[in-house]
Amino acid sequence: MNLNRQQAVDLASQVVHGAVAHADTFARRSISLVLCPPALYLEAVLNQTKGSDVAVGAQNAYFQPAGAFTGEISSEMIADLGCTYVIIGHSERRQVFGESDQMINQKLAAVIAAGLQPIFCVGETLAEREAGETAQVIEHQFREGTKALNAEDFSKIVIAYEPVWAIGTGKVATPNQAETVHSDLRKLIGSCYNSSLENSVSILYGGSVNSANAAELLAQPNIDGALVGGASLKADSFMAIAASA
C-alpha cells in the first residue's frame, strides 16, 4: 500500500525504460519483470507498460467470480483489465488479514480458472524457524494451498518463498537458508506432481531483497528470481536487482 497514482505511473515508466535499455540481455537471460501495484492503480500502470515486455499483476484477488462481496475484486475483473499475474497467500495476507490455507487454495483455483498466473507465497514466522519447524510449515502450506490442483493447473503457478521474519525487517535469509527451503520445495513438487514440474516451475525468494544481496541469492541453483518489496519502490534499485540476475 504505497505511492500515489502519479508516482506509480512514473515508477512504471522508469521500469519500462530500463527494460527497453536492457532488452537484449533480458531476453537472452530469460529475465521477466512484473509490477504489482495497488488495485486502484492497475489500469494506470497497465497503460504505462502497454507494448513493453513488463507484465502487470494484482496483489490479491477474491475467490468468487462476482457477487455481494463489498470491497473485494475478482480474478475475472483483474483479467478483464489485462493483467497477467496475481499474488496469492502473501505473508501479510496470512498474518495481518488472517487468510487460511483453505482460502488460499480457493484463490489459487480461481486465479487459474480466470487464465491468470498466480504467484503463490509460502513462508514461516520467526518463532517457527527458531523452533526448527520451517520444513513442516512450508510443506503444510504447500500441500494445503495446492490441494486438488492437477498437474496442468499447477504448471501455471510461480512459487515465492518469503520468510515472514525477513519481510520489511532488513533481515535476510542467508543464501544457504533460502537455498535449503527452495531445494525442499522443488523436491516437494516432484513428490506431489512429477519431475518435469519439479524442474520447470519457478521459485522466487522474497524477504528484504535489495541490490546489495540479490546477486548472491540469485546465484543459488534453486532460486529462480525475487519477489521484491521495499526495494521495488525505486526504479534504480529494482532494475539493479533485475540486472544482477
Protein backbone atom coordinates (compact mmCIF):
# COMPACT_ATOMS: atom_id res chain seq x y z
CA MET A 1 0.00 0.00 0.00
CA ASN A 2 2.49 2.56 -1.30
CA LEU A 3 2.71 5.53 -3.69
CA ASN A 4 0.01 7.65 -5.27
CA ARG A 5 -1.23 7.38 -8.85
CA GLN A 6 1.36 9.66 -10.42
CA GLN A 7 4.20 8.06 -8.51
CA ALA A 8 3.02 4.61 -9.62
CA VAL A 9 2.89 5.76 -13.25
CA ASP A 10 6.34 7.36 -13.01
CA LEU A 11 7.81 4.20 -11.47
CA ALA A 12 6.28 2.04 -14.19
CA SER A 13 7.61 4.39 -16.87
CA GLN A 14 11.13 4.20 -15.45
CA VAL A 15 11.00 0.39 -15.24
CA VAL A 16 9.79 0.16 -18.84
CA HIS A 17 12.64 2.46 -19.91
CA GLY A 18 15.12 0.24 -18.06
CA ALA A 19 13.64 -2.90 -19.59
CA VAL A 20 14.00 -1.42 -23.08
CA ALA A 21 17.60 -0.42 -22.39
CA HIS A 22 18.44 -3.99 -21.32
CA ALA A 23 16.05 -5.79 -23.68
CA ASP A 24 18.67 -7.91 -25.43
CA THR A 25 20.30 -9.05 -22.21
CA PHE A 26 16.97 -9.75 -20.50
CA ALA A 27 15.76 -11.76 -23.50
CA ARG A 28 18.99 -13.73 -23.67
CA ARG A 29 18.84 -14.49 -19.94
CA SER A 30 15.06 -15.14 -19.94
CA ILE A 31 14.54 -12.42 -17.33
CA SER A 32 10.93 -11.32 -16.78
CA LEU A 33 9.77 -8.20 -14.95
CA VAL A 34 6.37 -7.97 -13.25
CA LEU A 35 4.90 -4.94 -11.47
CA CYS A 36 2.13 -5.47 -8.89
CA PRO A 37 0.69 -2.08 -7.88
CA PRO A 38 -2.29 -1.47 -5.59
CA ALA A 39 -5.58 -2.36 -7.29
CA LEU A 40 -6.55 1.31 -7.68
CA TYR A 41 -3.55 1.89 -9.96
CA LEU A 42 -3.62 -1.30 -12.02
CA GLU A 43 -5.16 0.33 -15.07
CA ALA A 44 -2.83 3.33 -14.94
CA VAL A 45 0.22 1.06 -14.72
CA LEU A 46 -1.13 -1.20 -17.46
CA ASN A 47 -1.48 1.82 -19.75
CA GLN A 48 2.11 2.81 -18.98
CA THR A 49 3.52 -0.66 -19.70
CA LYS A 50 1.43 -1.31 -22.83
CA GLY A 51 3.55 -2.60 -25.70
CA SER A 52 6.51 -3.37 -23.44
CA ASP A 53 7.85 -6.63 -22.01
CA VAL A 54 6.93 -5.54 -18.47
CA ALA A 55 3.97 -7.56 -17.16
CA VAL A 56 1.46 -6.38 -14.56
CA GLY A 57 -0.19 -8.29 -11.73
CA ALA A 58 -2.53 -7.66 -8.82
CA GLN A 59 -1.55 -8.05 -5.18
CA ASN A 60 -4.60 -10.11 -4.25
CA ALA A 61 -7.93 -11.44 -5.54
CA TYR A 62 -11.07 -12.92 -4.02
CA PHE A 63 -12.06 -16.48 -4.93
CA GLN A 64 -15.64 -15.77 -6.03
CA PRO A 65 -16.15 -14.52 -9.63
CA ALA A 66 -18.85 -12.00 -8.67
CA GLY A 67 -21.44 -11.23 -6.00
CA ALA A 68 -22.11 -9.40 -2.76
CA PHE A 69 -18.51 -9.20 -1.54
CA THR A 70 -18.14 -5.47 -0.94
CA GLY A 71 -14.59 -4.20 -1.22
CA GLU A 72 -13.21 -7.30 -2.96
CA ILE A 73 -12.06 -7.73 -6.56
CA SER A 74 -12.29 -10.95 -8.56
CA SER A 75 -9.78 -12.67 -10.80
CA GLU A 76 -12.18 -12.10 -13.69
CA MET A 77 -12.05 -8.34 -13.08
CA ILE A 78 -8.26 -8.42 -12.94
CA ALA A 79 -8.08 -10.43 -16.17
CA ASP A 80 -10.54 -8.06 -17.81
CA LEU A 81 -8.13 -5.17 -17.19
CA GLY A 82 -5.37 -7.07 -18.98
CA CYS A 83 -3.24 -8.23 -16.04
CA THR A 84 -1.19 -11.40 -16.23
CA TYR A 85 -0.37 -12.27 -12.62
CA VAL A 86 -1.91 -12.26 -9.13
CA ILE A 87 -0.02 -12.62 -5.84
CA ILE A 88 -1.79 -15.16 -3.62
CA GLY A 89 -1.05 -16.03 0.02
CA HIS A 90 1.43 -13.24 0.70
CA SER A 91 2.60 -13.37 4.32
CA GLU A 92 0.79 -10.11 5.08
CA ARG A 93 -2.49 -11.60 3.81
CA ARG A 94 -1.89 -14.59 6.08
CA GLN A 95 -0.56 -12.73 9.13
CA VAL A 96 -2.43 -9.41 9.06
CA PHE A 97 -5.71 -10.42 7.41
CA GLY A 98 -5.95 -14.00 8.68
CA GLU A 99 -6.22 -15.79 5.36
CA SER A 100 -6.28 -19.55 5.86
CA ASP A 101 -4.67 -22.25 3.74
CA GLN A 102 -8.19 -23.24 2.64
CA MET A 103 -8.96 -19.73 1.39
CA ILE A 104 -5.60 -19.53 -0.37
CA ASN A 105 -6.37 -22.84 -2.08
CA GLN A 106 -9.70 -21.43 -3.29
CA LYS A 107 -7.98 -18.28 -4.52
CA LEU A 108 -5.34 -20.24 -6.44
CA ALA A 109 -8.03 -22.25 -8.21
CA ALA A 110 -9.98 -19.08 -9.06
CA VAL A 111 -6.92 -17.28 -10.43
CA ILE A 112 -6.00 -20.22 -12.64
CA ALA A 113 -9.60 -20.61 -13.86
CA ALA A 114 -9.56 -16.94 -14.90
CA GLY A 115 -6.49 -17.55 -17.07
CA LEU A 116 -4.10 -15.68 -14.79
CA GLN A 117 -0.80 -16.86 -13.34
CA PRO A 118 -0.69 -16.97 -9.53
CA ILE A 119 2.43 -16.15 -7.55
CA PHE A 120 1.82 -18.50 -4.62
CA CYS A 121 3.60 -17.44 -1.42
CA VAL A 122 4.72 -19.63 1.46
CA GLY A 123 6.88 -18.85 4.47
CA GLU A 124 7.45 -19.37 8.17
CA THR A 125 7.45 -16.98 11.14
CA LEU A 126 10.50 -16.33 13.30
CA ALA A 127 9.03 -18.47 16.10
CA GLU A 128 8.52 -21.36 13.69
CA ARG A 129 12.07 -21.09 12.36
CA GLU A 130 13.57 -20.92 15.84
CA ALA A 131 11.52 -23.99 16.80
CA GLY A 132 13.02 -25.88 13.87
CA GLU A 133 9.63 -26.13 12.16
CA THR A 134 10.44 -24.41 8.85
CA ALA A 135 10.26 -27.54 6.69
CA GLN A 136 6.99 -28.72 8.25
CA VAL A 137 5.35 -25.29 7.93
CA ILE A 138 6.38 -24.88 4.29
CA GLU A 139 5.20 -28.38 3.40
CA HIS A 140 1.84 -27.84 5.13
CA GLN A 141 1.26 -24.51 3.38
CA PHE A 142 2.24 -26.02 0.05
CA ARG A 143 0.09 -29.14 0.32
CA GLU A 144 -2.97 -27.33 1.67
CA GLY A 145 -2.64 -24.45 -0.76
CA THR A 146 -2.35 -26.64 -3.84
CA LYS A 147 -4.83 -29.31 -2.71
CA ALA A 148 -6.90 -30.71 -5.60
CA LEU A 149 -4.89 -28.80 -8.24
CA ASN A 150 -3.91 -31.15 -11.04
CA ALA A 151 -0.54 -31.07 -12.79
CA GLU A 152 -1.81 -28.89 -15.63
CA ASP A 153 -3.15 -26.31 -13.16
CA PHE A 154 -0.01 -26.45 -11.06
CA SER A 155 2.17 -25.82 -14.12
CA LYS A 156 0.73 -22.29 -14.24
CA ILE A 157 1.95 -21.42 -10.73
CA VAL A 158 5.00 -19.42 -9.71
CA ILE A 159 6.06 -20.09 -6.11
CA ALA A 160 7.56 -17.47 -3.81
CA TYR A 161 9.31 -18.40 -0.57
CA GLU A 162 9.12 -15.40 1.75
CA PRO A 163 10.13 -15.98 5.37
CA VAL A 164 7.81 -13.79 7.45
CA TRP A 165 10.70 -12.77 9.72
CA ALA A 166 12.53 -11.24 6.75
CA ILE A 167 9.67 -9.15 5.34
CA GLY A 168 10.44 -5.47 5.75
CA THR A 169 12.73 -6.11 8.71
CA GLY A 170 16.05 -5.74 6.93
CA LYS A 171 16.83 -9.31 7.96
CA VAL A 172 17.50 -11.60 5.03
CA ALA A 173 17.71 -15.36 4.91
CA THR A 174 21.28 -16.34 4.16
CA PRO A 175 21.78 -17.74 0.67
CA ASN A 176 22.19 -21.18 2.24
CA GLN A 177 18.99 -20.86 4.31
CA ALA A 178 17.00 -19.74 1.29
CA GLU A 179 18.51 -22.37 -0.98
CA THR A 180 17.66 -25.14 1.52
CA VAL A 181 13.98 -24.19 1.51
CA HIS A 182 13.91 -23.77 -2.27
CA SER A 183 15.53 -27.17 -2.73
CA ASP A 184 12.97 -28.74 -0.37
CA LEU A 185 10.15 -27.05 -2.30
CA ARG A 186 11.45 -28.42 -5.57
CA LYS A 187 11.58 -31.94 -4.14
CA LEU A 188 8.05 -31.45 -2.80
CA ILE A 189 6.84 -30.52 -6.28
CA GLY A 190 8.39 -33.69 -7.62
CA SER A 191 6.77 -35.89 -4.99
CA CYS A 192 3.34 -34.24 -5.31
CA TYR A 193 3.37 -33.91 -9.10
CA ASN A 194 6.21 -35.01 -11.38
CA SER A 195 9.88 -34.47 -12.21
CA SER A 196 9.07 -32.27 -15.19
CA LEU A 197 7.27 -29.75 -12.97
CA GLU A 198 9.94 -30.14 -10.31
CA ASN A 199 12.49 -28.82 -12.78
CA SER A 200 10.37 -26.25 -14.59
CA VAL A 201 8.31 -24.35 -12.00
CA SER A 202 9.93 -21.06 -10.98
CA ILE A 203 10.58 -20.48 -7.27
CA LEU A 204 11.26 -16.91 -6.18
CA TYR A 205 12.80 -15.67 -2.94
CA GLY A 206 11.18 -12.73 -1.14
CA GLY A 207 12.31 -11.07 2.06
CA SER A 208 14.27 -7.81 2.17
CA VAL A 209 15.84 -8.46 -1.23
CA ASN A 210 17.87 -5.45 -2.37
CA SER A 211 20.55 -4.52 -4.88
CA ALA A 212 23.30 -5.42 -2.40
CA ASN A 213 22.22 -9.01 -1.65
CA ALA A 214 20.33 -10.01 -4.81
CA ALA A 215 23.28 -11.39 -6.79
CA GLU A 216 24.34 -13.81 -4.05
CA LEU A 217 20.77 -15.00 -3.51
CA LEU A 218 20.03 -15.39 -7.23
CA ALA A 219 23.26 -17.33 -7.73
CA GLN A 220 21.79 -20.25 -5.77
CA PRO A 221 20.80 -23.14 -8.05
CA ASN A 222 17.16 -23.35 -6.94
CA ILE A 223 16.42 -19.62 -6.61
CA ASP A 224 14.90 -18.52 -9.91
CA GLY A 225 14.06 -14.91 -9.12
CA ALA A 226 12.95 -12.44 -6.48
CA LEU A 227 9.68 -11.15 -5.08
CA VAL A 228 10.83 -7.63 -4.25
CA GLY A 229 9.16 -5.44 -1.63
CA GLY A 230 10.53 -2.08 -0.47
CA ALA A 231 13.41 -2.09 -2.96
CA SER A 232 10.89 -2.14 -5.82
CA LEU A 233 9.57 1.32 -4.92
CA LYS A 234 12.55 2.96 -6.62
CA ALA A 235 13.28 2.08 -10.23
CA ASP A 236 17.05 2.20 -9.90
CA SER A 237 17.16 -0.33 -7.06
CA PHE A 238 14.57 -2.58 -8.73
CA MET A 239 16.44 -2.54 -12.05
CA ALA A 240 19.73 -3.20 -10.24
CA ILE A 241 18.18 -6.36 -8.79
CA ALA A 242 16.99 -7.38 -12.27
CA ALA A 243 20.44 -6.69 -13.69
CA SER A 244 22.05 -8.87 -11.03
CA ALA A 245 20.03 -11.81 -12.38
